Structure formats: structure tokens, C-alpha cells
């Protein structure tokens, strides 16, 4: 089964398109993977390693609670997280 394409008809999805956001300049020229740390190493246009800023780390904990230990257990849990 072939579908005919009408010349001059705008595709149905074209009305949903929007322009790309404005591009921003990044100070690095390339990123390579350090095999020892498995982290990205950013370099500028002459090959000097540059700092791209830090990101936070997160640690979460979860504990199970049992409130009735004789027959049907009523279970719940608590969650918390720490971000630095």
C-alpha cells in the first residue's frame, strides 16, 4: 500500500515545532574520560584541564518498621535523605 504525498500541504506535526533555545557558550573544548577515576576531565581549546564546578552528592536511608509482632504484621517504613 502506498501513500501519496500532496505537494504544498504542511505536515501535521509542523505546528508543534518551536525554535531551539538560544545556545550558550561552554568554556571547555572537549571532555575525556579519566580511566582511573571514571570521571570526565574537561579541557580548554589549548588542552589545559579546567574546573567545571562541583555537583552535590546525595545519601538516602530507609528503615522498615513493624508495629505488631504477634499475628498480622503492620509494616511501614521511614525515608530520609541528605544532600551536600
Protein backbone atom coordinates (compact mmCIF):
# COMPACT_ATOMS: atom_id res chain seq x y z
CA UNK A 1 0.00 0.00 0.00
CA UNK A 2 1.48 3.34 -1.00
CA UNK A 3 0.64 6.72 0.45
CA UNK A 4 0.51 9.71 -1.83
CA UNK A 5 2.10 12.93 -0.60
CA UNK A 6 0.33 16.10 -1.58
CA UNK A 7 2.65 18.87 -2.70
CA UNK A 8 2.20 22.11 -0.75
CA UNK A 9 0.41 20.53 2.22
CA UNK A 10 2.00 21.34 5.55
CA UNK A 11 2.87 18.24 7.63
CA UNK A 12 0.52 17.75 10.58
CA UNK A 13 3.33 17.91 13.18
CA UNK A 14 4.87 21.15 11.91
CA UNK A 15 2.51 23.25 14.05
CA UNK A 16 4.01 21.67 17.18
CA UNK A 17 7.57 22.72 16.36
CA UNK A 18 9.27 25.55 18.23
CA UNK A 19 12.65 27.19 17.72
CA UNK A 20 15.60 25.76 19.59
CA UNK A 21 16.53 27.72 22.72
CA UNK A 22 19.46 30.09 22.48
CA UNK A 23 22.75 28.23 22.64
CA UNK A 24 25.18 29.05 25.42
CA UNK A 25 28.95 29.04 25.14
CA UNK A 26 30.72 26.49 27.31
CA UNK A 27 34.30 27.21 28.39
CA UNK A 28 35.54 23.72 27.57
CA UNK A 29 36.62 22.38 24.21
CA UNK A 30 36.49 18.66 24.96
CA UNK A 31 35.72 16.09 27.64
CA UNK A 32 37.65 12.84 28.05
CA UNK A 33 37.15 10.00 30.50
CA UNK A 34 39.88 9.51 33.10
CA UNK A 35 40.38 5.72 33.17
CA UNK A 36 41.47 5.72 36.82
CA UNK A 37 38.56 7.65 38.30
CA UNK A 38 35.93 7.13 35.57
CA UNK A 39 35.20 10.88 35.73
CA UNK A 40 35.04 13.37 32.91
CA UNK A 41 38.07 15.65 32.52
CA UNK A 42 37.31 18.97 30.83
CA UNK A 43 39.97 20.74 28.79
CA UNK A 44 40.01 24.12 27.10
CA UNK A 45 40.97 24.84 23.48
CA UNK A 46 44.74 24.52 24.21
CA UNK A 47 44.43 21.30 26.27
CA UNK A 48 44.62 22.78 29.77
CA UNK A 49 42.44 20.95 32.32
CA UNK A 50 39.73 23.28 33.62
CA UNK A 51 37.33 23.02 36.57
CA UNK A 52 33.67 22.75 35.57
CA UNK A 53 32.27 23.19 39.06
CA UNK A 54 31.10 20.75 41.65
CA UNK A 55 27.87 18.88 41.97
CA UNK A 56 26.30 17.67 45.16
CA UNK A 57 26.10 14.15 46.38
CA UNK A 58 23.13 12.53 47.98
CA UNK A 59 22.75 9.73 50.51
CA UNK A 60 19.43 8.16 51.35
CA UNK A 61 18.45 5.75 54.09
CA UNK A 62 15.33 3.68 54.60
CA UNK A 63 14.26 1.74 57.67
CA UNK A 64 11.48 -0.81 57.91
CA UNK A 65 9.21 -0.73 60.92
CA UNK A 66 7.00 -3.49 62.33
CA UNK A 67 4.36 -2.40 64.84
CA UNK A 68 2.64 -5.72 65.56
CA UNK A 69 4.82 -8.77 66.09
CA UNK A 70 2.20 -11.34 67.16
CA UNK A 71 -0.10 -12.03 64.18
CA UNK A 72 -0.57 -9.86 61.12
CA UNK A 73 2.35 -7.51 60.81
CA UNK A 74 1.60 -3.86 60.26
CA UNK A 75 4.56 -2.69 58.30
CA UNK A 76 5.68 0.77 57.36
CA UNK A 77 8.92 2.46 56.52
CA UNK A 78 10.74 5.73 57.01
CA UNK A 79 12.87 7.50 54.43
CA UNK A 80 15.26 10.39 54.68
CA UNK A 81 17.97 11.90 52.53
CA UNK A 82 20.98 14.13 52.96
CA UNK A 83 22.30 16.41 50.26
CA UNK A 84 25.52 18.38 50.31
